């Protein structure tokens, strides 16, 4: 059996969750669809789908394998296009990961605009507040906020942001404004990381200052911490792009700005060691130009 054709069949079954529907879409008989998937399971030695009378779902191995199949078929399509002199045309599925709030505010609108300009493409955006291994998880492009470790990835800097300490005017009216980092010990702190409940906030550029703070309230959701600060409950420390709309609207005010740290860079990163696909190069060019024109991203360049 043609393995590439079997991969196409498997992807279609995974997408529609039905052998019968996949057969109709591909104009194949249900037994032919079943044979194609069985062939791949025999080749891989793994169960790729869980079948019940009502549904067809990917197994954990199937989730990984369908990503690999998509990448292989996309690469093959691009190789065919390159041989025909159309290498510059982006094709296939572009998979991007970004931090949750940055992704909602900036990456999703960029991806929608990019797909509008490239109607033959598909997009997948994974919003995760963790560092994703782009090679192991089959990611084409990642947005990284922070200083990059030596990872062997290609990177394009698109801007920079700062960590800002802020609270609502109503909070400062009730509790006063901290004048120096050590004053934070007398204030309600809204934390944005998981336990342990003590955190160290660092301040200063040339002369570094570290202050241990114990959050009164912790949450793993940045938008929840932001809203809690806007509601006047306490002081929060977030990245400038996260709080800039609330600051502009007068809902939050910054303090301790004279103790700010150096800006934190924002990069677009993608795997190195192979020529970047046309879809990756096209999106990097598209996104870089627009992000560098975004005030919240370029403010601290």
C-alpha atoms as a PDB file:
ATOM      1  CA  UNK A   1       0.000   0.000   0.000  1.00  0.00           C
ATOM      2  CA  UNK A   2       1.145   3.561  -0.734  1.00  0.00           C
ATOM      3  CA  UNK A   3       2.204   4.898   2.666  1.00  0.00           C
ATOM      4  CA  UNK A   4       1.753   8.557   1.716  1.00  0.00           C
ATOM      5  CA  UNK A   5      -1.783   7.859   0.541  1.00  0.00           C
ATOM      6  CA  UNK A   6      -2.437   5.967   3.778  1.00  0.00           C
ATOM      7  CA  UNK A   7      -1.219   9.020   5.705  1.00  0.00           C
ATOM      8  CA  UNK A   8      -3.673  11.220   3.809  1.00  0.00           C
ATOM      9  CA  UNK A   9      -6.480   8.818   4.672  1.00  0.00           C
ATOM     10  CA  UNK A  10      -5.433   8.684   8.332  1.00  0.00           C
ATOM     11  CA  UNK A  11      -5.363  12.498   8.579  1.00  0.00           C
ATOM     12  CA  UNK A  12      -8.838  12.710   7.076  1.00  0.00           C
ATOM     13  CA  UNK A  13     -10.203  10.130   9.534  1.00  0.00           C
ATOM     14  CA  UNK A  14      -8.596  12.051  12.412  1.00  0.00           C
ATOM     15  CA  UNK A  15     -10.027  15.359  11.193  1.00  0.00           C
ATOM     16  CA  UNK A  16     -13.620  14.220  10.782  1.00  0.00           C
ATOM     17  CA  UNK A  17     -13.661  11.506  13.485  1.00  0.00           C
ATOM     18  CA  UNK A  18     -15.346   9.022  11.175  1.00  0.00           C
ATOM     19  CA  UNK A  19     -14.230   6.282   8.811  1.00  0.00           C
ATOM     20  CA  UNK A  20     -17.428   6.600   6.806  1.00  0.00           C
ATOM     21  CA  UNK A  21     -17.156  10.371   6.419  1.00  0.00           C
ATOM     22  CA  UNK A  22     -13.483  10.106   5.481  1.00  0.00           C
ATOM     23  CA  UNK A  23     -14.421   7.608   2.809  1.00  0.00           C
ATOM     24  CA  UNK A  24     -17.078   9.934   1.389  1.00  0.00           C
ATOM     25  CA  UNK A  25     -14.694  12.896   1.416  1.00  0.00           C
ATOM     26  CA  UNK A  26     -11.952  10.896  -0.321  1.00  0.00           C
ATOM     27  CA  UNK A  27     -14.342   8.908  -2.559  1.00  0.00           C
ATOM     28  CA  UNK A  28     -13.120   5.645  -1.080  1.00  0.00           C
ATOM     29  CA  UNK A  29     -15.068   2.679   0.222  1.00  0.00           C
ATOM     30  CA  UNK A  30     -15.220   2.242   4.015  1.00  0.00           C
ATOM     31  CA  UNK A  31     -13.217  -1.029   3.820  1.00  0.00           C
ATOM     32  CA  UNK A  32     -10.452   0.782   1.870  1.00  0.00           C
ATOM     33  CA  UNK A  33     -10.280   3.480   4.560  1.00  0.00           C
ATOM     34  CA  UNK A  34     -10.116   0.836   7.276  1.00  0.00           C
ATOM     35  CA  UNK A  35      -7.312  -0.996   5.426  1.00  0.00           C
ATOM     36  CA  UNK A  36      -5.274   2.206   5.088  1.00  0.00           C
ATOM     37  CA  UNK A  37      -5.403   2.911   8.815  1.00  0.00           C
ATOM     38  CA  UNK A  38      -4.744  -0.743   9.680  1.00  0.00           C
ATOM     39  CA  UNK A  39      -1.719  -0.640   7.384  1.00  0.00           C
ATOM     40  CA  UNK A  40      -0.255   2.342   9.261  1.00  0.00           C
ATOM     41  CA  UNK A  41      -0.913   0.710  12.614  1.00  0.00           C
ATOM     42  CA  UNK A  42       0.860  -2.402  11.377  1.00  0.00           C
ATOM     43  CA  UNK A  43       3.822  -0.360  10.082  1.00  0.00           C
ATOM     44  CA  UNK A  44       4.183   1.690  13.259  1.00  0.00           C
ATOM     45  CA  UNK A  45       3.333  -1.079  15.676  1.00  0.00           C
ATOM     46  CA  UNK A  46       1.068   1.331  17.559  1.00  0.00           C
ATOM     47  CA  UNK A  47      -2.656   1.721  17.976  1.00  0.00           C
ATOM     48  CA  UNK A  48      -3.447   5.078  16.381  1.00  0.00           C
ATOM     49  CA  UNK A  49      -7.212   5.276  16.824  1.00  0.00           C
ATOM     50  CA  UNK A  50      -9.719   4.217  19.449  1.00  0.00           C
ATOM     51  CA  UNK A  51     -12.946   3.076  17.807  1.00  0.00           C
ATOM     52  CA  UNK A  52     -16.345   2.857  19.447  1.00  0.00           C
ATOM     53  CA  UNK A  53     -19.802   2.511  17.963  1.00  0.00           C
ATOM     54  CA  UNK A  54     -20.268   6.267  18.265  1.00  0.00           C
ATOM     55  CA  UNK A  55     -16.881   7.859  17.720  1.00  0.00           C
ATOM     56  CA  UNK A  56     -13.324   7.530  16.489  1.00  0.00           C
ATOM     57  CA  UNK A  57     -10.640   9.231  18.573  1.00  0.00           C
ATOM     58  CA  UNK A  58      -6.877   9.513  18.339  1.00  0.00           C
ATOM     59  CA  UNK A  59      -4.767   7.666  20.880  1.00  0.00           C
ATOM     60  CA  UNK A  60      -1.767   9.421  22.426  1.00  0.00           C
ATOM     61  CA  UNK A  61       0.447   7.768  19.815  1.00  0.00           C
ATOM     62  CA  UNK A  62      -2.055   8.792  17.152  1.00  0.00           C
ATOM     63  CA  UNK A  63      -1.898  12.442  18.258  1.00  0.00           C
ATOM     64  CA  UNK A  64       1.864  12.457  17.736  1.00  0.00           C
ATOM     65  CA  UNK A  65       1.698  10.499  14.498  1.00  0.00           C
ATOM     66  CA  UNK A  66      -0.949  12.715  12.876  1.00  0.00           C
ATOM     67  CA  UNK A  67       1.261  15.773  13.531  1.00  0.00           C
ATOM     68  CA  UNK A  68       4.201  13.991  11.904  1.00  0.00           C
ATOM     69  CA  UNK A  69       2.043  12.946   8.940  1.00  0.00           C
ATOM     70  CA  UNK A  70       0.889  16.520   8.381  1.00  0.00           C
ATOM     71  CA  UNK A  71       4.468  17.776   8.476  1.00  0.00           C
ATOM     72  CA  UNK A  72       5.692  15.091   6.076  1.00  0.00           C
ATOM     73  CA  UNK A  73       2.934  15.773   3.563  1.00  0.00           C
ATOM     74  CA  UNK A  74       3.405  19.542   3.861  1.00  0.00           C
ATOM     75  CA  UNK A  75       7.147  19.162   3.264  1.00  0.00           C
ATOM     76  CA  UNK A  76       6.485  16.941   0.283  1.00  0.00           C
ATOM     77  CA  UNK A  77       4.057  19.463  -1.202  1.00  0.00           C
ATOM     78  CA  UNK A  78       6.615  22.201  -0.728  1.00  0.00           C
ATOM     79  CA  UNK A  79       9.345  20.084  -2.350  1.00  0.00           C
ATOM     80  CA  UNK A  80       7.081  19.549  -5.353  1.00  0.00           C
ATOM     81  CA  UNK A  81       6.389  23.278  -5.505  1.00  0.00           C
ATOM     82  CA  UNK A  82      10.100  24.061  -5.280  1.00  0.00           C
ATOM     83  CA  UNK A  83      10.864  21.704  -8.174  1.00  0.00           C
ATOM     84  CA  UNK A  84       8.205  23.491 -10.207  1.00  0.00           C
ATOM     85  CA  UNK A  85       9.675  26.902  -9.481  1.00  0.00           C
ATOM     86  CA  UNK A  86       6.980  27.930  -7.009  1.00  0.00           C
ATOM     87  CA  UNK A  87       9.004  27.560  -3.796  1.00  0.00           C
ATOM     88  CA  UNK A  88       8.182  31.078  -2.606  1.00  0.00           C
ATOM     89  CA  UNK A  89       4.484  30.252  -2.298  1.00  0.00           C
ATOM     90  CA  UNK A  90       3.614  29.306   1.308  1.00  0.00           C
ATOM     91  CA  UNK A  91       1.580  26.124   1.571  1.00  0.00           C
ATOM     92  CA  UNK A  92       0.374  23.619   4.138  1.00  0.00           C
ATOM     93  CA  UNK A  93      -0.366  24.040   7.840  1.00  0.00           C
ATOM     94  CA  UNK A  94       1.542  26.586   9.924  1.00  0.00           C
ATOM     95  CA  UNK A  95       1.750  25.622  13.601  1.00  0.00           C
ATOM     96  CA  UNK A  96       2.657  28.403  16.033  1.00  0.00           C
ATOM     97  CA  UNK A  97       2.952  28.515  19.809  1.00  0.00           C
ATOM     98  CA  UNK A  98       2.899  31.626  21.996  1.00  0.00           C
ATOM     99  CA  UNK A  99       2.252  32.676  25.607  1.00  0.00           C
ATOM    100  CA  UNK A 100      -1.485  32.724  26.304  1.00  0.00           C
ATOM    101  CA  UNK A 101      -2.168  36.441  26.751  1.00  0.00           C
ATOM    102  CA  UNK A 102       0.336  37.609  24.110  1.00  0.00           C
ATOM    103  CA  UNK A 103      -1.150  35.060  21.742  1.00  0.00           C
ATOM    104  CA  UNK A 104      -4.692  36.288  22.313  1.00  0.00           C
ATOM    105  CA  UNK A 105      -3.742  39.965  21.990  1.00  0.00           C
ATOM    106  CA  UNK A 106      -1.268  39.881  19.105  1.00  0.00           C
ATOM    107  CA  UNK A 107      -0.579  36.466  17.555  1.00  0.00           C
ATOM    108  CA  UNK A 108      -4.150  35.396  16.765  1.00  0.00           C
ATOM    109  CA  UNK A 109      -4.914  38.630  14.839  1.00  0.00           C
ATOM    110  CA  UNK A 110      -1.641  38.209  12.919  1.00  0.00           C
ATOM    111  CA  UNK A 111      -2.420  34.605  11.998  1.00  0.00           C
ATOM    112  CA  UNK A 112      -5.929  35.516  10.846  1.00  0.00           C
ATOM    113  CA  UNK A 113      -4.556  38.310   8.640  1.00  0.00           C
ATOM    114  CA  UNK A 114      -1.836  36.003   7.286  1.00  0.00           C
ATOM    115  CA  UNK A 115      -4.340  33.291   6.372  1.00  0.00           C
ATOM    116  CA  UNK A 116      -6.532  35.915   4.694  1.00  0.00           C
ATOM    117  CA  UNK A 117      -3.574  36.762   2.451  1.00  0.00           C
ATOM    118  CA  UNK A 118      -2.751  33.077   1.873  1.00  0.00           C
ATOM    119  CA  UNK A 119      -6.125  31.341   1.424  1.00  0.00           C
ATOM    120  CA  UNK A 120      -4.553  28.003   0.522  1.00  0.00           C
ATOM    121  CA  UNK A 121      -2.964  27.654   3.953  1.00  0.00           C
ATOM    122  CA  UNK A 122      -4.184  26.454   7.330  1.00  0.00           C
ATOM    123  CA  UNK A 123      -3.139  27.633  10.774  1.00  0.00           C
ATOM    124  CA  UNK A 124      -2.842  26.067  14.204  1.00  0.00           C
ATOM    125  CA  UNK A 125      -2.088  28.259  17.237  1.00  0.00           C
ATOM    126  CA  UNK A 126      -1.158  26.682  20.573  1.00  0.00           C
ATOM    127  CA  UNK A 127      -1.358  29.180  23.440  1.00  0.00           C
ATOM    128  CA  UNK A 128       0.705  27.861  26.342  1.00  0.00           C
ATOM    129  CA  UNK A 129       2.482  29.575  29.236  1.00  0.00           C
ATOM    130  CA  UNK A 130       5.429  27.202  29.069  1.00  0.00           C
ATOM    131  CA  UNK A 131       8.478  26.781  26.882  1.00  0.00           C
ATOM    132  CA  UNK A 132       7.563  24.301  24.163  1.00  0.00           C
ATOM    133  CA  UNK A 133      10.167  22.032  22.579  1.00  0.00           C
ATOM    134  CA  UNK A 134       9.451  23.024  18.999  1.00  0.00           C
ATOM    135  CA  UNK A 135      11.372  20.113  17.492  1.00  0.00           C
ATOM    136  CA  UNK A 136       9.839  17.339  19.605  1.00  0.00           C
ATOM    137  CA  UNK A 137       6.311  18.754  19.402  1.00  0.00           C
ATOM    138  CA  UNK A 138       6.355  19.502  15.665  1.00  0.00           C
ATOM    139  CA  UNK A 139       6.024  23.297  15.995  1.00  0.00           C
ATOM    140  CA  UNK A 140       6.954  25.504  13.040  1.00  0.00           C
ATOM    141  CA  UNK A 141       7.378  28.750  14.961  1.00  0.00           C
ATOM    142  CA  UNK A 142       7.359  29.914  18.589  1.00  0.00           C
ATOM    143  CA  UNK A 143       7.016  33.332  20.185  1.00  0.00           C
ATOM    144  CA  UNK A 144       9.436  33.576  23.107  1.00  0.00           C
ATOM    145  CA  UNK A 145       9.374  36.403  25.653  1.00  0.00           C
ATOM    146  CA  UNK A 146      12.591  36.466  27.655  1.00  0.00           C
ATOM    147  CA  UNK A 147      16.290  35.976  27.178  1.00  0.00           C
ATOM    148  CA  UNK A 148      16.975  32.944  24.995  1.00  0.00           C
ATOM    149  CA  UNK A 149      19.040  30.008  26.122  1.00  0.00           C
ATOM    150  CA  UNK A 150      21.499  28.423  23.694  1.00  0.00           C
ATOM    151  CA  UNK A 151      19.019  26.084  22.014  1.00  0.00           C
ATOM    152  CA  UNK A 152      20.220  25.774  18.434  1.00  0.00           C
ATOM    153  CA  UNK A 153      17.137  27.619  17.175  1.00  0.00           C
ATOM    154  CA  UNK A 154      17.080  30.476  14.691  1.00  0.00           C
ATOM    155  CA  UNK A 155      15.653  33.659  16.210  1.00  0.00           C
ATOM    156  CA  UNK A 156      14.385  37.012  14.967  1.00  0.00           C
ATOM    157  CA  UNK A 157      13.960  39.791  17.526  1.00  0.00           C
ATOM    158  CA  UNK A 158      10.686  41.664  17.055  1.00  0.00           C
ATOM    159  CA  UNK A 159      10.537  43.862  20.151  1.00  0.00           C
ATOM    160  CA  UNK A 160      10.959  44.120  23.908  1.00  0.00           C
ATOM    161  CA  UNK A 161       8.825  44.625  26.995  1.00  0.00           C
ATOM    162  CA  UNK A 162       9.350  45.444  30.683  1.00  0.00           C
ATOM    163  CA  UNK A 163       8.084  44.076  33.951  1.00  0.00           C
ATOM    164  CA  UNK A 164       5.961  46.733  35.634  1.00  0.00           C
ATOM    165  CA  UNK A 165       4.660  46.936  39.187  1.00  0.00           C
ATOM    166  CA  UNK A 166       1.167  48.381  39.253  1.00  0.00           C
ATOM    167  CA  UNK A 167      -2.180  48.577  41.009  1.00  0.00           C
ATOM    168  CA  UNK A 168      -5.477  50.394  40.675  1.00  0.00           C
ATOM    169  CA  UNK A 169      -5.732  54.053  41.793  1.00  0.00           C
ATOM    170  CA  UNK A 170      -8.307  52.924  44.375  1.00  0.00           C
ATOM    171  CA  UNK A 171      -5.784  50.549  45.938  1.00  0.00           C
ATOM    172  CA  UNK A 172      -3.138  53.256  46.248  1.00  0.00           C
ATOM    173  CA  UNK A 173      -5.728  55.637  47.721  1.00  0.00           C
ATOM    174  CA  UNK A 174      -6.435  53.137  50.525  1.00  0.00           C
ATOM    175  CA  UNK A 175      -2.975  51.683  51.127  1.00  0.00           C
ATOM    176  CA  UNK A 176      -0.471  54.252  49.852  1.00  0.00           C
ATOM    177  CA  UNK A 177       2.197  53.887  47.194  1.00  0.00           C
ATOM    178  CA  UNK A 178       5.436  51.968  47.779  1.00  0.00           C
ATOM    179  CA  UNK A 179       8.400  54.324  47.327  1.00  0.00           C
ATOM    180  CA  UNK A 180      11.115  51.665  47.217  1.00  0.00           C
ATOM    181  CA  UNK A 181      11.120  47.906  46.589  1.00  0.00           C
ATOM    182  CA  UNK A 182      11.421  47.062  50.290  1.00  0.00           C
ATOM    183  CA  UNK A 183       8.056  48.794  50.892  1.00  0.00           C
ATOM    184  CA  UNK A 184       6.297  45.956  49.033  1.00  0.00           C
ATOM    185  CA  UNK A 185       6.480  43.906  52.241  1.00  0.00           C
ATOM    186  CA  UNK A 186       3.616  45.984  53.644  1.00  0.00           C
ATOM    187  CA  UNK A 187       1.302  45.503  50.661  1.00  0.00           C
ATOM    188  CA  UNK A 188      -1.059  42.891  49.248  1.00  0.00           C
ATOM    189  CA  UNK A 189       0.722  41.079  46.424  1.00  0.00           C
ATOM    190  CA  UNK A 190      -1.069  39.240  43.651  1.00  0.00           C
ATOM    191  CA  UNK A 191       1.217  36.431  42.450  1.00  0.00           C
ATOM    192  CA  UNK A 192       1.150  34.909  38.971  1.00  0.00           C
ATOM    193  CA  UNK A 193       3.126  31.727  39.557  1.00  0.00           C
ATOM    194  CA  UNK A 194       2.402  28.454  41.298  1.00  0.00           C
ATOM    195  CA  UNK A 195       3.615  27.615  44.860  1.00  0.00           C
ATOM    196  CA  UNK A 196       6.008  27.915  46.653  1.00  0.00           C
ATOM    197  CA  UNK A 197       4.244  30.973  47.964  1.00  0.00           C
ATOM    198  CA  UNK A 198       7.367  33.132  48.305  1.00  0.00           C
ATOM    199  CA  UNK A 199       8.800  34.848  45.271  1.00  0.00           C
ATOM    200  CA  UNK A 200      11.804  37.015  44.602  1.00  0.00           C
ATOM    201  CA  UNK A 201      11.229  40.189  42.613  1.00  0.00           C
ATOM    202  CA  UNK A 202      14.356  41.711  41.115  1.00  0.00           C
ATOM    203  CA  UNK A 203      14.816  45.384  40.370  1.00  0.00           C
ATOM    204  CA  UNK A 204      17.448  47.703  38.918  1.00  0.00           C
ATOM    205  CA  UNK A 205      19.699  47.754  35.881  1.00  0.00           C
ATOM    206  CA  UNK A 206      23.313  48.286  36.907  1.00  0.00           C
ATOM    207  CA  UNK A 207      22.707  47.970  40.657  1.00  0.00           C
ATOM    208  CA  UNK A 208      20.564  44.916  41.286  1.00  0.00           C
ATOM    209  CA  UNK A 209      18.034  44.760  44.114  1.00  0.00           C
ATOM    210  CA  UNK A 210      16.191  41.600  45.147  1.00  0.00           C
ATOM    211  CA  UNK A 211      13.081  41.655  47.314  1.00  0.00           C
ATOM    212  CA  UNK A 212      11.368  38.569  48.709  1.00  0.00           C
ATOM    213  CA  UNK A 213       7.594  38.919  48.486  1.00  0.00           C
ATOM    214  CA  UNK A 214       4.928  36.566  49.733  1.00  0.00           C
ATOM    215  CA  UNK A 215       1.796  36.804  47.578  1.00  0.00           C
ATOM    216  CA  UNK A 216      -1.487  37.040  49.416  1.00  0.00           C
ATOM    217  CA  UNK A 217      -3.208  35.608  46.349  1.00  0.00           C
ATOM    218  CA  UNK A 218      -1.744  33.274  43.713  1.00  0.00           C
ATOM    219  CA  UNK A 219      -3.149  32.325  40.329  1.00  0.00           C
ATOM    220  CA  UNK A 220      -1.740  30.570  37.281  1.00  0.00           C
ATOM    221  CA  UNK A 221      -3.877  32.746  34.953  1.00  0.00           C
ATOM    222  CA  UNK A 222      -2.325  36.076  34.014  1.00  0.00           C
ATOM    223  CA  UNK A 223      -5.613  37.604  32.924  1.00  0.00           C
ATOM    224  CA  UNK A 224      -7.146  36.721  36.300  1.00  0.00           C
ATOM    225  CA  UNK A 225      -4.266  38.414  38.137  1.00  0.00           C
ATOM    226  CA  UNK A 226      -4.622  41.443  35.894  1.00  0.00           C
ATOM    227  CA  UNK A 227      -8.349  41.759  36.527  1.00  0.00           C
ATOM    228  CA  UNK A 228      -7.844  41.336  40.274  1.00  0.00           C
ATOM    229  CA  UNK A 229      -5.422  44.266  40.231  1.00  0.00           C
ATOM    230  CA  UNK A 230      -7.821  46.362  38.138  1.00  0.00           C
ATOM    231  CA  UNK A 231     -10.516  45.633  40.742  1.00  0.00           C
ATOM    232  CA  UNK A 232      -8.303  47.325  43.348  1.00  0.00           C
ATOM    233  CA  UNK A 233      -7.482  44.241  45.405  1.00  0.00           C
ATOM    234  CA  UNK A 234      -3.674  44.423  45.399  1.00  0.00           C
ATOM    235  CA  UNK A 235      -0.383  45.019  43.596  1.00  0.00           C
ATOM    236  CA  UNK A 236       0.694  42.919  40.636  1.00  0.00           C
ATOM    237  CA  UNK A 237       3.865  42.689  38.555  1.00  0.00           C
ATOM    238  CA  UNK A 238       3.272  41.883  34.911  1.00  0.00           C
ATOM    239  CA  UNK A 239       4.855  42.509  31.543  1.00  0.00           C
ATOM    240  CA  UNK A 240       4.192  45.901  30.003  1.00  0.00           C
ATOM    241  CA  UNK A 241       2.177  44.606  27.040  1.00  0.00           C
ATOM    242  CA  UNK A 242      -0.178  42.853  29.481  1.00  0.00           C
ATOM    243  CA  UNK A 243      -0.985  45.992  31.475  1.00  0.00           C
ATOM    244  CA  UNK A 244      -0.580  48.767  28.890  1.00  0.00           C
ATOM    245  CA  UNK A 245      -4.296  48.872  27.870  1.00  0.00           C
ATOM    246  CA  UNK A 246      -5.359  49.183  31.527  1.00  0.00           C
ATOM    247  CA  UNK A 247      -2.714  51.854  32.183  1.00  0.00           C
ATOM    248  CA  UNK A 248      -3.810  53.839  29.129  1.00  0.00           C
ATOM    249  CA  UNK A 249      -7.415  53.635  30.349  1.00  0.00           C
ATOM    250  CA  UNK A 250      -6.470  54.872  33.819  1.00  0.00           C
ATOM    251  CA  UNK A 251      -7.438  51.570  35.446  1.00  0.00           C
ATOM    252  CA  UNK A 252      -3.882  50.861  36.660  1.00  0.00           C
ATOM    253  CA  UNK A 253      -0.958  53.031  37.719  1.00  0.00           C
ATOM    254  CA  UNK A 254       2.716  52.044  37.838  1.00  0.00           C
ATOM    255  CA  UNK A 255       5.071  52.456  40.791  1.00  0.00           C
ATOM    256  CA  UNK A 256       8.799  51.903  41.374  1.00  0.00           C
ATOM    257  CA  UNK A 257       9.563  52.775  37.736  1.00  0.00           C
ATOM    258  CA  UNK A 258      12.938  54.209  38.731  1.00  0.00           C
ATOM    259  CA  UNK A 259      13.880  50.668  39.794  1.00  0.00           C
ATOM    260  CA  UNK A 260      12.881  48.995  36.512  1.00  0.00           C
ATOM    261  CA  UNK A 261      14.960  46.101  35.208  1.00  0.00           C
ATOM    262  CA  UNK A 262      16.386  45.974  31.699  1.00  0.00           C
ATOM    263  CA  UNK A 263      13.817  45.251  28.969  1.00  0.00           C
ATOM    264  CA  UNK A 264      12.929  41.647  28.120  1.00  0.00           C
ATOM    265  CA  UNK A 265      13.282  40.729  24.417  1.00  0.00           C
ATOM    266  CA  UNK A 266      10.599  39.127  22.246  1.00  0.00           C
ATOM    267  CA  UNK A 267      11.746  36.692  19.551  1.00  0.00           C
ATOM    268  CA  UNK A 268      10.227  34.548  16.855  1.00  0.00           C
ATOM    269  CA  UNK A 269      12.138  31.257  16.903  1.00  0.00           C
ATOM    270  CA  UNK A 270      12.105  28.253  14.601  1.00  0.00           C
ATOM    271  CA  UNK A 271      14.162  25.067  14.242  1.00  0.00           C
ATOM    272  CA  UNK A 272      17.616  25.394  12.776  1.00  0.00           C
ATOM    273  CA  UNK A 273      19.479  22.747  10.803  1.00  0.00           C
ATOM    274  CA  UNK A 274      17.160  22.658   7.821  1.00  0.00           C
ATOM    275  CA  UNK A 275      16.100  25.361   5.412  1.00  0.00           C
ATOM    276  CA  UNK A 276      13.057  27.157   6.746  1.00  0.00           C
ATOM    277  CA  UNK A 277       9.902  26.304   4.842  1.00  0.00           C
ATOM    278  CA  UNK A 278       8.296  28.967   2.696  1.00  0.00           C
ATOM    279  CA  UNK A 279       5.343  29.162   5.100  1.00  0.00           C
ATOM    280  CA  UNK A 280       7.699  29.917   8.014  1.00  0.00           C
ATOM    281  CA  UNK A 281       9.730  32.513   6.130  1.00  0.00           C
ATOM    282  CA  UNK A 282       6.570  34.169   4.850  1.00  0.00           C
ATOM    283  CA  UNK A 283       5.001  34.397   8.300  1.00  0.00           C
ATOM    284  CA  UNK A 284       8.200  35.699   9.901  1.00  0.00           C
ATOM    285  CA  UNK A 285       8.407  38.489   7.321  1.00  0.00           C
ATOM    286  CA  UNK A 286       4.703  39.229   7.735  1.00  0.00           C
ATOM    287  CA  UNK A 287       4.700  39.201  11.556  1.00  0.00           C
ATOM    288  CA  UNK A 288       8.032  40.939  12.116  1.00  0.00           C
ATOM    289  CA  UNK A 289       7.009  44.039  10.207  1.00  0.00           C
ATOM    290  CA  UNK A 290       3.701  44.334  12.040  1.00  0.00           C
ATOM    291  CA  UNK A 291       4.975  43.519  15.529  1.00  0.00           C
ATOM    292  CA  UNK A 292       7.767  46.062  15.239  1.00  0.00           C
ATOM    293  CA  UNK A 293       5.098  48.657  14.473  1.00  0.00           C
ATOM    294  CA  UNK A 294       3.041  47.707  17.560  1.00  0.00           C
ATOM    295  CA  UNK A 295       3.508  50.337  20.314  1.00  0.00           C
ATOM    296  CA  UNK A 296       3.319  47.875  23.210  1.00  0.00           C
ATOM    297  CA  UNK A 297       6.068  45.764  21.627  1.00  0.00           C
ATOM    298  CA  UNK A 298       8.429  48.473  20.412  1.00  0.00           C
ATOM    299  CA  UNK A 299       8.050  50.834  23.412  1.00  0.00           C
ATOM    300  CA  UNK A 300      11.123  49.551  25.249  1.00  0.00           C
ATOM    301  CA  UNK A 301      13.388  48.829  22.296  1.00  0.00           C
END
